[in-house]
Amino acid sequence: MGVTILSFGRDLRVEDHPALARAGQEAGAEGGAVLPVFIVDPAVWSAPEASARQWRVVAEGLASLSAALAARGAALQVEIGPPAEVLDRLAARWPV
C-alpha cells in the first residue's frame, strides 16, 4: 500500500481535475492513498514581480482547495521549499 503524491500548481480545484482523478483511481486500485500537496517555492515568491495581492489570491484558492479536499477525507499539505527538494523529502517520508 503506497502513497500517490499529487502536487497542486496553478489549478487549485478538485472538480474535473484530471490528475486528481487519476491519482485517486491509481491509489484506490492499489489500496493506497493520495497525498495532496501545495509547494510554496521561495524562488517564485521572492521574485520582483511577485506581489502580496497575488499571494492573497493563491491563499484564498488554497483555503477553498483545503476545504474541498477535507470534505472528501483528505488533508492538503502545504510545504515550503524548492519543489524538487520538497518532493524528495516527501518521497523519503512516505511509501510512494
N, C-alpha and C. Protein backbone atom coordinates (compact mmCIF):
# COMPACT_ATOMS: atom_id res chain seq x y z
N MET A 1 0.85 -1.17 0.00
CA MET A 1 0.00 0.00 0.00
C MET A 1 0.90 1.23 0.00
N GLY A 2 0.79 2.03 -1.05
CA GLY A 2 1.63 3.20 -1.18
C GLY A 2 0.84 4.49 -1.17
N VAL A 3 1.58 5.55 -1.29
CA VAL A 3 1.00 6.89 -1.32
C VAL A 3 1.31 7.51 -2.68
N THR A 4 0.31 8.10 -3.28
CA THR A 4 0.49 8.85 -4.51
C THR A 4 0.54 10.33 -4.15
N ILE A 5 1.65 10.97 -4.41
CA ILE A 5 1.79 12.40 -4.11
C ILE A 5 1.27 13.19 -5.30
N LEU A 6 0.32 14.07 -5.03
CA LEU A 6 -0.22 14.94 -6.07
C LEU A 6 0.11 16.37 -5.70
N SER A 7 0.99 16.98 -6.46
CA SER A 7 1.40 18.35 -6.22
C SER A 7 0.51 19.29 -7.03
N PHE A 8 -0.24 20.12 -6.34
CA PHE A 8 -1.09 21.11 -7.00
C PHE A 8 -0.23 22.30 -7.40
N GLY A 9 -0.52 22.85 -8.57
CA GLY A 9 0.18 24.04 -9.05
C GLY A 9 -0.81 25.18 -9.13
N ARG A 10 -1.07 25.63 -10.32
CA ARG A 10 -2.00 26.75 -10.52
C ARG A 10 -3.45 26.31 -10.48
N ASP A 11 -3.71 25.05 -10.71
CA ASP A 11 -5.07 24.52 -10.79
C ASP A 11 -5.51 24.05 -9.40
N LEU A 12 -6.09 24.95 -8.63
CA LEU A 12 -6.45 24.67 -7.25
C LEU A 12 -7.93 24.31 -7.13
N ARG A 13 -8.31 23.21 -7.77
CA ARG A 13 -9.71 22.77 -7.71
C ARG A 13 -9.73 21.25 -7.61
N VAL A 14 -10.84 20.71 -7.19
CA VAL A 14 -11.00 19.26 -7.15
C VAL A 14 -11.96 18.77 -8.22
N GLU A 15 -12.91 19.60 -8.60
CA GLU A 15 -13.87 19.22 -9.63
C GLU A 15 -13.19 19.18 -10.98
N ASP A 16 -13.41 18.10 -11.71
CA ASP A 16 -12.90 17.96 -13.07
C ASP A 16 -11.39 18.20 -13.14
N HIS A 17 -10.66 17.65 -12.18
CA HIS A 17 -9.20 17.79 -12.14
C HIS A 17 -8.60 16.46 -12.59
N PRO A 18 -8.11 16.37 -13.83
CA PRO A 18 -7.66 15.08 -14.38
C PRO A 18 -6.58 14.38 -13.55
N ALA A 19 -5.60 15.12 -13.06
CA ALA A 19 -4.52 14.50 -12.29
C ALA A 19 -5.04 13.95 -10.96
N LEU A 20 -5.95 14.68 -10.33
CA LEU A 20 -6.52 14.22 -9.06
C LEU A 20 -7.36 12.96 -9.30
N ALA A 21 -8.16 12.97 -10.36
CA ALA A 21 -8.97 11.79 -10.67
C ALA A 21 -8.10 10.57 -10.92
N ARG A 22 -7.05 10.75 -11.69
CA ARG A 22 -6.16 9.62 -11.98
C ARG A 22 -5.43 9.14 -10.72
N ALA A 23 -4.95 10.08 -9.92
CA ALA A 23 -4.26 9.70 -8.68
C ALA A 23 -5.20 8.92 -7.78
N GLY A 24 -6.45 9.35 -7.69
CA GLY A 24 -7.44 8.65 -6.87
C GLY A 24 -7.72 7.25 -7.39
N GLN A 25 -7.80 7.11 -8.71
CA GLN A 25 -8.04 5.79 -9.31
C GLN A 25 -6.87 4.86 -9.03
N GLU A 26 -5.65 5.36 -9.25
CA GLU A 26 -4.47 4.52 -9.04
C GLU A 26 -4.31 4.14 -7.58
N ALA A 27 -4.50 5.10 -6.70
CA ALA A 27 -4.36 4.82 -5.27
C ALA A 27 -5.44 3.83 -4.83
N GLY A 28 -6.65 4.02 -5.32
CA GLY A 28 -7.74 3.12 -4.95
C GLY A 28 -7.52 1.70 -5.44
N ALA A 29 -6.98 1.57 -6.65
CA ALA A 29 -6.73 0.25 -7.21
C ALA A 29 -5.64 -0.48 -6.45
N GLU A 30 -4.73 0.27 -5.86
CA GLU A 30 -3.60 -0.33 -5.14
C GLU A 30 -3.83 -0.36 -3.63
N GLY A 31 -4.98 0.14 -3.18
CA GLY A 31 -5.25 0.18 -1.75
C GLY A 31 -4.43 1.25 -1.03
N GLY A 32 -4.00 2.24 -1.77
CA GLY A 32 -3.18 3.30 -1.20
C GLY A 32 -3.97 4.56 -0.92
N ALA A 33 -3.26 5.66 -0.83
CA ALA A 33 -3.87 6.95 -0.54
C ALA A 33 -3.23 8.02 -1.41
N VAL A 34 -3.92 9.14 -1.51
CA VAL A 34 -3.40 10.29 -2.24
C VAL A 34 -2.99 11.34 -1.21
N LEU A 35 -1.78 11.86 -1.37
CA LEU A 35 -1.28 12.94 -0.51
C LEU A 35 -1.30 14.22 -1.33
N PRO A 36 -2.32 15.08 -1.13
CA PRO A 36 -2.37 16.34 -1.86
C PRO A 36 -1.42 17.37 -1.24
N VAL A 37 -0.60 17.97 -2.08
CA VAL A 37 0.44 18.89 -1.62
C VAL A 37 0.43 20.16 -2.45
N PHE A 38 0.65 21.28 -1.80
CA PHE A 38 0.93 22.53 -2.50
C PHE A 38 2.30 22.99 -2.02
N ILE A 39 3.17 23.28 -2.97
CA ILE A 39 4.54 23.68 -2.62
C ILE A 39 4.69 25.18 -2.83
N VAL A 40 5.06 25.86 -1.77
CA VAL A 40 5.36 27.29 -1.85
C VAL A 40 6.85 27.39 -2.18
N ASP A 41 7.13 27.79 -3.40
CA ASP A 41 8.52 27.88 -3.88
C ASP A 41 9.06 29.28 -3.57
N PRO A 42 10.03 29.39 -2.66
CA PRO A 42 10.56 30.71 -2.31
C PRO A 42 11.11 31.47 -3.51
N ALA A 43 11.64 30.76 -4.51
CA ALA A 43 12.17 31.45 -5.69
C ALA A 43 11.06 32.19 -6.45
N VAL A 44 9.86 31.63 -6.45
CA VAL A 44 8.74 32.28 -7.14
C VAL A 44 8.27 33.49 -6.35
N TRP A 45 8.11 33.31 -5.03
CA TRP A 45 7.52 34.37 -4.24
C TRP A 45 8.50 35.47 -3.83
N SER A 46 9.78 35.25 -4.05
CA SER A 46 10.75 36.31 -3.78
C SER A 46 11.12 37.08 -5.05
N ALA A 47 10.56 36.68 -6.17
CA ALA A 47 10.83 37.36 -7.44
C ALA A 47 10.25 38.78 -7.40
N PRO A 48 10.90 39.71 -8.09
CA PRO A 48 10.43 41.11 -8.06
C PRO A 48 8.99 41.29 -8.54
N GLU A 49 8.53 40.43 -9.44
CA GLU A 49 7.18 40.59 -9.97
C GLU A 49 6.10 39.98 -9.07
N ALA A 50 6.48 39.25 -8.04
CA ALA A 50 5.51 38.67 -7.12
C ALA A 50 4.97 39.76 -6.19
N SER A 51 3.67 39.65 -5.88
CA SER A 51 3.07 40.68 -5.04
C SER A 51 2.22 40.06 -3.94
N ALA A 52 1.96 40.85 -2.93
CA ALA A 52 1.09 40.41 -1.84
C ALA A 52 -0.30 40.12 -2.36
N ARG A 53 -0.76 40.89 -3.31
CA ARG A 53 -2.09 40.68 -3.90
C ARG A 53 -2.16 39.31 -4.56
N GLN A 54 -1.11 38.92 -5.28
CA GLN A 54 -1.08 37.60 -5.91
C GLN A 54 -1.13 36.51 -4.85
N TRP A 55 -0.37 36.69 -3.78
CA TRP A 55 -0.36 35.69 -2.71
C TRP A 55 -1.73 35.58 -2.06
N ARG A 56 -2.44 36.70 -1.88
CA ARG A 56 -3.79 36.65 -1.29
C ARG A 56 -4.71 35.80 -2.16
N VAL A 57 -4.62 35.95 -3.47
CA VAL A 57 -5.45 35.15 -4.38
C VAL A 57 -5.11 33.67 -4.24
N VAL A 58 -3.82 33.35 -4.19
CA VAL A 58 -3.40 31.95 -4.02
C VAL A 58 -3.87 31.43 -2.66
N ALA A 59 -3.71 32.22 -1.61
CA ALA A 59 -4.12 31.80 -0.28
C ALA A 59 -5.62 31.52 -0.22
N GLU A 60 -6.42 32.34 -0.88
CA GLU A 60 -7.87 32.10 -0.93
C GLU A 60 -8.16 30.80 -1.67
N GLY A 61 -7.45 30.58 -2.77
CA GLY A 61 -7.61 29.33 -3.52
C GLY A 61 -7.22 28.12 -2.69
N LEU A 62 -6.14 28.25 -1.91
CA LEU A 62 -5.70 27.15 -1.06
C LEU A 62 -6.72 26.86 0.04
N ALA A 63 -7.33 27.89 0.59
CA ALA A 63 -8.35 27.69 1.61
C ALA A 63 -9.54 26.93 1.03
N SER A 64 -9.96 27.29 -0.17
CA SER A 64 -11.07 26.60 -0.83
C SER A 64 -10.69 25.16 -1.16
N LEU A 65 -9.48 24.98 -1.68
CA LEU A 65 -9.00 23.65 -2.02
C LEU A 65 -8.93 22.78 -0.77
N SER A 66 -8.39 23.32 0.30
CA SER A 66 -8.28 22.58 1.55
C SER A 66 -9.65 22.12 2.04
N ALA A 67 -10.63 23.01 1.99
CA ALA A 67 -11.99 22.66 2.43
C ALA A 67 -12.59 21.58 1.53
N ALA A 68 -12.40 21.70 0.22
CA ALA A 68 -12.94 20.71 -0.71
C ALA A 68 -12.29 19.34 -0.50
N LEU A 69 -10.99 19.33 -0.26
CA LEU A 69 -10.31 18.07 -0.02
C LEU A 69 -10.74 17.47 1.32
N ALA A 70 -10.88 18.31 2.34
CA ALA A 70 -11.31 17.82 3.65
C ALA A 70 -12.69 17.18 3.57
N ALA A 71 -13.57 17.75 2.75
CA ALA A 71 -14.91 17.17 2.57
C ALA A 71 -14.84 15.79 1.92
N ARG A 72 -13.72 15.51 1.27
CA ARG A 72 -13.52 14.20 0.63
C ARG A 72 -12.60 13.30 1.45
N GLY A 73 -12.27 13.74 2.65
CA GLY A 73 -11.47 12.92 3.55
C GLY A 73 -9.97 13.03 3.37
N ALA A 74 -9.51 14.08 2.71
CA ALA A 74 -8.07 14.26 2.50
C ALA A 74 -7.65 15.61 3.07
N ALA A 75 -6.42 15.68 3.53
CA ALA A 75 -5.89 16.93 4.08
C ALA A 75 -4.82 17.48 3.15
N LEU A 76 -4.97 18.75 2.79
CA LEU A 76 -3.97 19.41 1.97
C LEU A 76 -2.74 19.69 2.83
N GLN A 77 -1.59 19.32 2.31
CA GLN A 77 -0.33 19.58 2.99
C GLN A 77 0.36 20.72 2.24
N VAL A 78 0.72 21.78 2.94
CA VAL A 78 1.44 22.90 2.33
C VAL A 78 2.88 22.83 2.80
N GLU A 79 3.79 22.79 1.84
CA GLU A 79 5.22 22.67 2.12
C GLU A 79 5.93 23.88 1.53
N ILE A 80 7.03 24.27 2.13
CA ILE A 80 7.81 25.41 1.64
C ILE A 80 9.20 24.93 1.27
N GLY A 81 9.65 25.33 0.07
CA GLY A 81 10.99 24.99 -0.37
C GLY A 81 11.04 24.77 -1.86
N PRO A 82 12.23 24.56 -2.38
CA PRO A 82 12.35 24.25 -3.80
C PRO A 82 11.57 22.96 -4.10
N PRO A 83 10.74 22.95 -5.13
CA PRO A 83 9.88 21.80 -5.39
C PRO A 83 10.60 20.45 -5.44
N ALA A 84 11.73 20.37 -6.10
CA ALA A 84 12.44 19.09 -6.19
C ALA A 84 12.84 18.59 -4.81
N GLU A 85 13.30 19.50 -3.96
CA GLU A 85 13.71 19.12 -2.61
C GLU A 85 12.51 18.69 -1.77
N VAL A 86 11.42 19.42 -1.90
CA VAL A 86 10.21 19.07 -1.14
C VAL A 86 9.71 17.70 -1.56
N LEU A 87 9.64 17.45 -2.86
CA LEU A 87 9.16 16.15 -3.34
C LEU A 87 10.08 15.02 -2.91
N ASP A 88 11.38 15.25 -2.95
CA ASP A 88 12.33 14.23 -2.47
C ASP A 88 12.10 13.95 -0.99
N ARG A 89 11.89 15.00 -0.21
CA ARG A 89 11.67 14.85 1.22
C ARG A 89 10.38 14.06 1.50
N LEU A 90 9.32 14.36 0.74
CA LEU A 90 8.06 13.65 0.91
C LEU A 90 8.18 12.19 0.48
N ALA A 91 8.89 11.96 -0.62
CA ALA A 91 9.09 10.60 -1.10
C ALA A 91 9.89 9.77 -0.11
N ALA A 92 10.79 10.41 0.63
CA ALA A 92 11.57 9.70 1.64
C ALA A 92 10.72 9.39 2.88
N ARG A 93 9.71 10.22 3.12
CA ARG A 93 8.86 10.07 4.31
C ARG A 93 7.74 9.07 4.10
N TRP A 94 7.22 8.98 2.87
CA TRP A 94 6.06 8.15 2.57
C TRP A 94 6.43 7.02 1.62
N PRO A 95 5.73 5.88 1.71
CA PRO A 95 5.97 4.78 0.76
C PRO A 95 5.28 5.09 -0.57
N VAL A 96 5.97 5.78 -1.43
CA VAL A 96 5.38 6.19 -2.71
C VAL A 96 5.65 5.15 -3.79
